C-alpha atoms as a PDB file:
ATOM      1  CA  MET A   1      -8.795  16.770  34.752  1.00  0.00           C
ATOM      2  CA  ASP A   2      -6.514  13.869  35.631  1.00  0.00           C
ATOM      3  CA  GLU A   3      -4.037  15.024  38.291  1.00  0.00           C
ATOM      4  CA  ASP A   4      -1.368  12.865  36.626  1.00  0.00           C
ATOM      5  CA  ALA A   5      -1.909  14.472  33.202  1.00  0.00           C
ATOM      6  CA  PRO A   6       1.244  15.964  31.684  1.00  0.00           C
ATOM      7  CA  HIS A   7       1.530  19.678  32.432  1.00  0.00           C
ATOM      8  CA  ILE A   8       2.449  21.757  29.371  1.00  0.00           C
ATOM      9  CA  LEU A   9       3.534  25.392  29.308  1.00  0.00           C
ATOM     10  CA  VAL A  10       2.554  27.135  26.051  1.00  0.00           C
ATOM     11  CA  VAL A  11       4.522  30.330  25.422  1.00  0.00           C
ATOM     12  CA  ASP A  12       3.438  32.516  22.500  1.00  0.00           C
ATOM     13  CA  ASP A  13       2.714  36.218  22.127  1.00  0.00           C
ATOM     14  CA  ASP A  14      -0.051  35.489  19.593  1.00  0.00           C
ATOM     15  CA  THR A  15      -3.187  35.509  21.747  1.00  0.00           C
ATOM     16  CA  ARG A  16      -5.309  33.669  19.191  1.00  0.00           C
ATOM     17  CA  LEU A  17      -2.814  30.846  18.687  1.00  0.00           C
ATOM     18  CA  ARG A  18      -2.080  30.610  22.390  1.00  0.00           C
ATOM     19  CA  ASP A  19      -5.764  30.217  23.215  1.00  0.00           C
ATOM     20  CA  LEU A  20      -6.292  27.708  20.394  1.00  0.00           C
ATOM     21  CA  LEU A  21      -3.408  25.557  21.585  1.00  0.00           C
ATOM     22  CA  LYS A  22      -4.617  25.657  25.164  1.00  0.00           C
ATOM     23  CA  ARG A  23      -8.104  24.561  24.162  1.00  0.00           C
ATOM     24  CA  TYR A  24      -6.871  21.868  21.765  1.00  0.00           C
ATOM     25  CA  LEU A  25      -4.387  20.327  24.206  1.00  0.00           C
ATOM     26  CA  THR A  26      -6.770  20.561  27.156  1.00  0.00           C
ATOM     27  CA  GLU A  27      -9.413  18.680  25.162  1.00  0.00           C
ATOM     28  CA  ARG A  28      -6.846  15.918  24.619  1.00  0.00           C
ATOM     29  CA  GLY A  29      -6.153  15.398  28.266  1.00  0.00           C
ATOM     30  CA  PHE A  30      -3.262  17.720  29.037  1.00  0.00           C
ATOM     31  CA  LEU A  31      -3.008  20.262  31.806  1.00  0.00           C
ATOM     32  CA  VAL A  32      -2.071  23.531  30.089  1.00  0.00           C
ATOM     33  CA  THR A  33      -0.678  26.799  31.408  1.00  0.00           C
ATOM     34  CA  THR A  34       0.074  29.717  29.087  1.00  0.00           C
ATOM     35  CA  ALA A  35       2.564  32.576  29.057  1.00  0.00           C
ATOM     36  CA  VAL A  36       2.727  35.604  26.759  1.00  0.00           C
ATOM     37  CA  ASP A  37       6.514  36.000  26.526  1.00  0.00           C
ATOM     38  CA  ALA A  38       9.836  34.820  27.974  1.00  0.00           C
ATOM     39  CA  GLU A  39       9.537  36.935  31.103  1.00  0.00           C
ATOM     40  CA  ASP A  40       6.081  35.548  31.813  1.00  0.00           C
ATOM     41  CA  ALA A  41       7.365  32.016  31.153  1.00  0.00           C
ATOM     42  CA  ARG A  42      10.162  32.455  33.676  1.00  0.00           C
ATOM     43  CA  ARG A  43       7.627  33.445  36.302  1.00  0.00           C
ATOM     44  CA  ARG A  44       5.560  30.326  35.588  1.00  0.00           C
ATOM     45  CA  LEU A  45       8.625  28.091  35.639  1.00  0.00           C
ATOM     46  CA  GLY A  46       9.635  29.567  38.981  1.00  0.00           C
ATOM     47  CA  VAL A  47       6.506  28.347  40.752  1.00  0.00           C
ATOM     48  CA  LEU A  48       5.245  25.347  38.751  1.00  0.00           C
ATOM     49  CA  ALA A  49       6.731  22.108  37.454  1.00  0.00           C
ATOM     50  CA  PHE A  50       6.131  21.353  33.784  1.00  0.00           C
ATOM     51  CA  ASP A  51       6.564  18.194  31.755  1.00  0.00           C
ATOM     52  CA  LEU A  52       7.097  20.084  28.502  1.00  0.00           C
ATOM     53  CA  MET A  53       7.196  23.595  27.102  1.00  0.00           C
ATOM     54  CA  VAL A  54       5.808  24.571  23.683  1.00  0.00           C
ATOM     55  CA  LEU A  55       7.720  27.735  22.879  1.00  0.00           C
ATOM     56  CA  ASP A  56       7.416  30.249  20.058  1.00  0.00           C
ATOM     57  CA  VAL A  57      10.732  31.457  18.651  1.00  0.00           C
ATOM     58  CA  MET A  58       9.790  34.942  17.484  1.00  0.00           C
ATOM     59  CA  MET A  59       8.578  36.930  20.477  1.00  0.00           C
ATOM     60  CA  PRO A  60       9.147  40.545  21.546  1.00  0.00           C
ATOM     61  CA  GLY A  61      12.000  40.905  24.003  1.00  0.00           C
ATOM     62  CA  GLU A  62      13.907  37.697  24.690  1.00  0.00           C
ATOM     63  CA  ASN A  63      13.267  35.246  21.863  1.00  0.00           C
ATOM     64  CA  GLY A  64      12.579  31.546  22.241  1.00  0.00           C
ATOM     65  CA  ILE A  65      16.047  30.344  21.279  1.00  0.00           C
ATOM     66  CA  ASP A  66      17.729  32.624  23.825  1.00  0.00           C
ATOM     67  CA  LEU A  67      15.271  31.475  26.477  1.00  0.00           C
ATOM     68  CA  VAL A  68      16.055  27.816  25.808  1.00  0.00           C
ATOM     69  CA  ALA A  69      19.805  28.437  25.960  1.00  0.00           C
ATOM     70  CA  SER A  70      19.386  30.236  29.282  1.00  0.00           C
ATOM     71  CA  LEU A  71      17.123  27.542  30.755  1.00  0.00           C
ATOM     72  CA  ARG A  72      19.533  24.757  29.827  1.00  0.00           C
ATOM     73  CA  ARG A  73      22.000  26.035  32.428  1.00  0.00           C
ATOM     74  CA  ASP A  74      19.831  24.666  35.226  1.00  0.00           C
ATOM     75  CA  SER A  75      16.707  23.050  33.741  1.00  0.00           C
ATOM     76  CA  ASP A  76      16.056  19.937  31.692  1.00  0.00           C
ATOM     77  CA  VAL A  77      12.386  20.588  30.917  1.00  0.00           C
ATOM     78  CA  PRO A  78      11.789  19.343  27.335  1.00  0.00           C
ATOM     79  CA  VAL A  79      11.157  22.106  24.801  1.00  0.00           C
ATOM     80  CA  LEU A  80       9.301  21.989  21.494  1.00  0.00           C
ATOM     81  CA  LEU A  81       9.981  25.123  19.466  1.00  0.00           C
ATOM     82  CA  LEU A  82       7.399  26.672  17.153  1.00  0.00           C
ATOM     83  CA  THR A  83       9.061  28.639  14.377  1.00  0.00           C
ATOM     84  CA  ALA A  84       7.899  30.555  11.336  1.00  0.00           C
ATOM     85  CA  MET A  85      11.484  30.519  10.052  1.00  0.00           C
ATOM     86  CA  SER A  86      11.986  27.994   7.276  1.00  0.00           C
ATOM     87  CA  GLU A  87      15.762  28.134   6.791  1.00  0.00           C
ATOM     88  CA  PRO A  88      17.626  25.048   8.090  1.00  0.00           C
ATOM     89  CA  GLU A  89      20.200  27.227   9.862  1.00  0.00           C
ATOM     90  CA  ASP A  90      17.446  28.885  11.888  1.00  0.00           C
ATOM     91  CA  ARG A  91      16.105  25.508  12.995  1.00  0.00           C
ATOM     92  CA  ILE A  92      19.587  24.217  13.751  1.00  0.00           C
ATOM     93  CA  ALA A  93      20.137  27.202  16.039  1.00  0.00           C
ATOM     94  CA  GLY A  94      17.217  25.986  18.136  1.00  0.00           C
ATOM     95  CA  LEU A  95      18.656  22.486  18.426  1.00  0.00           C
ATOM     96  CA  GLU A  96      22.072  23.872  19.302  1.00  0.00           C
ATOM     97  CA  ALA A  97      20.479  25.915  22.078  1.00  0.00           C
ATOM     98  CA  GLY A  98      19.069  22.714  23.596  1.00  0.00           C
ATOM     99  CA  ALA A  99      15.553  22.381  22.195  1.00  0.00           C
ATOM    100  CA  ASP A 100      14.236  18.821  21.865  1.00  0.00           C
ATOM    101  CA  ASP A 101      12.345  19.352  18.631  1.00  0.00           C
ATOM    102  CA  TYR A 102      10.855  22.038  16.437  1.00  0.00           C
ATOM    103  CA  LEU A 103       7.744  22.474  14.342  1.00  0.00           C
ATOM    104  CA  SER A 104       7.364  24.981  11.537  1.00  0.00           C
ATOM    105  CA  LYS A 105       4.369  27.299  11.321  1.00  0.00           C
ATOM    106  CA  PRO A 106       1.801  26.819   9.979  1.00  0.00           C
ATOM    107  CA  PHE A 107       1.331  23.296  11.303  1.00  0.00           C
ATOM    108  CA  GLU A 108      -1.400  20.733  11.657  1.00  0.00           C
ATOM    109  CA  PRO A 109      -2.582  20.379  15.290  1.00  0.00           C
ATOM    110  CA  ARG A 110      -2.366  16.607  14.939  1.00  0.00           C
ATOM    111  CA  GLU A 111       1.320  16.830  14.092  1.00  0.00           C
ATOM    112  CA  LEU A 112       1.890  19.010  17.139  1.00  0.00           C
ATOM    113  CA  LEU A 113       0.154  16.384  19.261  1.00  0.00           C
ATOM    114  CA  LEU A 114       2.340  13.617  17.810  1.00  0.00           C
ATOM    115  CA  ARG A 115       5.509  15.611  18.466  1.00  0.00           C
ATOM    116  CA  ILE A 116       4.449  16.322  22.053  1.00  0.00           C
ATOM    117  CA  ARG A 117       3.634  12.695  22.766  1.00  0.00           C
ATOM    118  CA  SER A 118       6.927  11.581  21.250  1.00  0.00           C
ATOM    119  CA  ILE A 119       8.938  13.957  23.443  1.00  0.00           C
ATOM    120  CA  LEU A 120       7.024  12.986  26.579  1.00  0.00           C
ATOM    121  CA  ARG A 121       7.498   9.308  25.807  1.00  0.00           C
ATOM    122  CA  ARG A 122      11.253   9.762  25.515  1.00  0.00           C
ATOM    123  CA  ALA A 123      11.420  11.830  28.681  1.00  0.00           C
ATOM    124  CA  ALA A 124       9.344   9.437  30.793  1.00  0.00           C
ATOM    125  CA  PRO A 125      11.234   7.213  33.277  1.00  0.00           C
ATOM    126  CA  ARG A 126      10.840   3.501  32.693  1.00  0.00           C
ATOM    127  CA  ASP A 127      10.622   0.966  35.511  1.00  0.00           C
ATOM    128  CA  ALA A 128      11.020  -2.237  33.576  1.00  0.00           C
ATOM    129  CA  ALA A 129      14.507  -3.601  33.097  1.00  0.00           C
ATOM    130  CA  ALA A 130      15.800  -3.402  29.565  1.00  0.00           C
ATOM    131  CA  ALA A 131      16.272  -6.663  27.696  1.00  0.00           C
ATOM    132  CA  THR A 132      19.218  -5.333  25.676  1.00  0.00           C
ATOM    133  CA  PRO A 133      22.406  -4.743  27.692  1.00  0.00           C
ATOM    134  CA  PRO A 134      23.628  -1.129  27.721  1.00  0.00           C
ATOM    135  CA  ILE A 135      26.578  -0.308  25.526  1.00  0.00           C
ATOM    136  CA  ALA A 136      29.765   1.047  27.100  1.00  0.00           C
ATOM    137  CA  LEU A 137      31.249   4.316  25.885  1.00  0.00           C
ATOM    138  CA  GLY A 138      34.199   4.862  28.188  1.00  0.00           C
ATOM    139  CA  GLY A 139      32.802   6.270  31.401  1.00  0.00           C
ATOM    140  CA  CYS A 140      29.276   6.378  29.955  1.00  0.00           C
ATOM    141  CA  ARG A 141      26.650   3.694  29.379  1.00  0.00           C
ATOM    142  CA  PHE A 142      23.804   3.994  26.906  1.00  0.00           C
ATOM    143  CA  ASP A 143      20.632   1.959  27.370  1.00  0.00           C
ATOM    144  CA  ILE A 144      19.258   1.518  23.860  1.00  0.00           C
ATOM    145  CA  GLU A 145      15.719   0.556  24.863  1.00  0.00           C
ATOM    146  CA  ARG A 146      15.338   3.337  27.405  1.00  0.00           C
ATOM    147  CA  GLU A 147      17.341   5.779  25.282  1.00  0.00           C
ATOM    148  CA  GLU A 148      19.096   6.726  28.516  1.00  0.00           C
ATOM    149  CA  LEU A 149      22.709   7.853  28.847  1.00  0.00           C
ATOM    150  CA  LEU A 150      24.349   7.421  32.266  1.00  0.00           C
ATOM    151  CA  ASP A 151      27.688   8.640  33.569  1.00  0.00           C
ATOM    152  CA  ARG A 152      30.192   6.468  35.451  1.00  0.00           C
ATOM    153  CA  ASP A 153      28.271   7.037  38.712  1.00  0.00           C
ATOM    154  CA  GLY A 154      24.954   5.969  37.191  1.00  0.00           C
ATOM    155  CA  ARG A 155      23.597   9.495  36.975  1.00  0.00           C
ATOM    156  CA  PRO A 156      21.581  10.397  33.874  1.00  0.00           C
ATOM    157  CA  ILE A 157      23.149  12.672  31.295  1.00  0.00           C
ATOM    158  CA  ARG A 158      20.432  14.737  29.665  1.00  0.00           C
ATOM    159  CA  LEU A 159      19.806  14.111  25.987  1.00  0.00           C
ATOM    160  CA  THR A 160      17.373  15.996  23.810  1.00  0.00           C
ATOM    161  CA  SER A 161      14.867  13.894  21.883  1.00  0.00           C
ATOM    162  CA  PHE A 162      16.901  14.334  18.719  1.00  0.00           C
ATOM    163  CA  GLU A 163      20.151  13.361  20.464  1.00  0.00           C
ATOM    164  CA  SER A 164      18.654  10.261  22.061  1.00  0.00           C
ATOM    165  CA  MET A 165      17.111   9.164  18.762  1.00  0.00           C
ATOM    166  CA  LEU A 166      20.379   9.713  16.899  1.00  0.00           C
ATOM    167  CA  LEU A 167      22.426   7.841  19.509  1.00  0.00           C
ATOM    168  CA  ARG A 168      19.917   4.973  19.509  1.00  0.00           C
ATOM    169  CA  ILE A 169      20.136   4.641  15.716  1.00  0.00           C
ATOM    170  CA  LEU A 170      23.933   4.714  15.815  1.00  0.00           C
ATOM    171  CA  ALA A 171      23.969   2.175  18.684  1.00  0.00           C
ATOM    172  CA  GLU A 172      21.613  -0.162  16.818  1.00  0.00           C
ATOM    173  CA  HIS A 173      24.099  -0.070  13.930  1.00  0.00           C
ATOM    174  CA  ALA A 174      27.242  -0.060  16.082  1.00  0.00           C
ATOM    175  CA  GLY A 175      30.339  -0.764  14.025  1.00  0.00           C
ATOM    176  CA  SER A 176      28.584   0.083  10.754  1.00  0.00           C
ATOM    177  CA  VAL A 177      29.080   3.359   8.933  1.00  0.00           C
ATOM    178  CA  LEU A 178      25.889   5.355   8.388  1.00  0.00           C
ATOM    179  CA  SER A 179      25.960   8.142   5.832  1.00  0.00           C
ATOM    180  CA  ARG A 180      24.643  11.597   6.615  1.00  0.00           C
ATOM    181  CA  GLU A 181      21.871  10.879   4.139  1.00  0.00           C
ATOM    182  CA  ASP A 182      20.966   7.679   6.019  1.00  0.00           C
ATOM    183  CA  LEU A 183      20.901   9.495   9.343  1.00  0.00           C
ATOM    184  CA  THR A 184      18.853  12.356   7.919  1.00  0.00           C
ATOM    185  CA  ARG A 185      16.282   9.878   6.639  1.00  0.00           C
ATOM    186  CA  LEU A 186      16.204   7.734   9.796  1.00  0.00           C
ATOM    187  CA  THR A 187      15.913  10.687  12.172  1.00  0.00           C
ATOM    188  CA  GLY A 188      13.647  12.794   9.977  1.00  0.00           C
ATOM    189  CA  ALA A 189      16.017  15.722  10.487  1.00  0.00           C
ATOM    190  CA  GLY A 190      14.220  18.751   9.081  1.00  0.00           C
ATOM    191  CA  GLY A 191      17.462  20.689   8.837  1.00  0.00           C
ATOM    192  CA  GLY A 192      18.982  18.044   6.571  1.00  0.00           C
ATOM    193  CA  GLU A 193      22.517  16.738   6.810  1.00  0.00           C
ATOM    194  CA  ARG A 194      23.712  19.886   8.557  1.00  0.00           C
ATOM    195  CA  SER A 195      21.312  19.094  11.422  1.00  0.00           C
ATOM    196  CA  VAL A 196      22.898  15.661  11.769  1.00  0.00           C
ATOM    197  CA  ASP A 197      26.386  17.207  11.924  1.00  0.00           C
ATOM    198  CA  VAL A 198      25.260  19.589  14.672  1.00  0.00           C
ATOM    199  CA  GLN A 199      23.768  16.771  16.740  1.00  0.00           C
ATOM    200  CA  VAL A 200      26.872  14.612  16.320  1.00  0.00           C
ATOM    201  CA  THR A 201      28.951  17.495  17.669  1.00  0.00           C
ATOM    202  CA  ARG A 202      26.602  17.847  20.652  1.00  0.00           C
ATOM    203  CA  LEU A 203      26.691  14.097  21.363  1.00  0.00           C
ATOM    204  CA  ARG A 204      30.470  14.056  21.293  1.00  0.00           C
ATOM    205  CA  ARG A 205      30.545  16.669  24.036  1.00  0.00           C
ATOM    206  CA  LYS A 206      28.551  14.280  26.207  1.00  0.00           C
ATOM    207  CA  ILE A 207      30.220  10.922  25.512  1.00  0.00           C
ATOM    208  CA  GLU A 208      33.782  11.655  24.436  1.00  0.00           C
ATOM    209  CA  PRO A 209      36.741  12.242  26.800  1.00  0.00           C
ATOM    210  CA  ASP A 210      38.044  14.651  24.151  1.00  0.00           C
ATOM    211  CA  PRO A 211      35.359  15.675  21.616  1.00  0.00           C
ATOM    212  CA  ARG A 212      38.062  17.083  19.324  1.00  0.00           C
ATOM    213  CA  VAL A 213      39.572  13.601  18.986  1.00  0.00           C
ATOM    214  CA  PRO A 214      36.527  11.300  19.107  1.00  0.00           C
ATOM    215  CA  ARG A 215      37.122   7.736  20.243  1.00  0.00           C
ATOM    216  CA  TYR A 216      33.547   6.417  20.097  1.00  0.00           C
ATOM    217  CA  LEU A 217      31.542   8.501  17.619  1.00  0.00           C
ATOM    218  CA  GLN A 218      33.905   8.670  14.677  1.00  0.00           C
ATOM    219  CA  THR A 219      33.774  10.368  11.305  1.00  0.00           C
ATOM    220  CA  VAL A 220      34.605   8.174   8.332  1.00  0.00           C
ATOM    221  CA  ARG A 221      35.802  10.609   5.703  1.00  0.00           C
ATOM    222  CA  GLY A 222      33.605  10.680   2.639  1.00  0.00           C
ATOM    223  CA  GLN A 223      31.199   8.093   4.097  1.00  0.00           C
ATOM    224  CA  GLY A 224      29.523   9.260   7.308  1.00  0.00           C
ATOM    225  CA  TYR A 225      29.585   8.356  10.990  1.00  0.00           C
ATOM    226  CA  VAL A 226      30.121   5.173  12.978  1.00  0.00           C
ATOM    227  CA  LEU A 227      29.681   4.388  16.674  1.00  0.00           C
ATOM    228  CA  ARG A 228      32.396   2.115  18.091  1.00  0.00           C
ATOM    229  CA  PRO A 229      31.523   1.154  21.699  1.00  0.00           C
ATOM    230  CA  ASP A 230      33.944  -0.559  24.079  1.00  0.00           C
ATOM    231  CA  GLY A 231      34.098  -4.326  23.775  1.00  0.00           C
END
């Protein structure tokens, strides 16, 4: 096993699925540790560093969404939720809690692999200088190519994969109004337009001086959203 291989924590109370995921991901070059529930996951997280967590939502005791919300107080480990719940509101709850992405059960292993690689790619630091200048959003700067948001002191502000993708799309179309339908299609938001609204609200908390009166990420009534950077 490559010592530099991404280390993934798989948390699921279903022994069969947990073992299948461990075998599948290990065969594709990942280092995999498993946990049977939230309590077990906390123990693993307390002693090991992980690059990503694949987390089941429906578990006995503390569920996956509550675990993510709790972890987000002091951890930025990326989280991919596995959920058997098909309602958009259930999926949106996971994103609101701070998950990076979600995948509905049953799923194709190949799709899981693609989602994992996408999250890891977004989370990976990049050494090369970006060719496109960052855009200014008050005290924040967003590097479109790196999908990296920095505060006024140059410190990174954590974005989930969905948030970074949404902000990149808005930044690439800065000054142009994008409808909720456009953003749903461009982001592949499984929760539909409501998912986009939730992520816009979350982004505003990170880039706006007053999220209740947005200066940069504005709503255009009856049309959609527009990003208006400084300059």
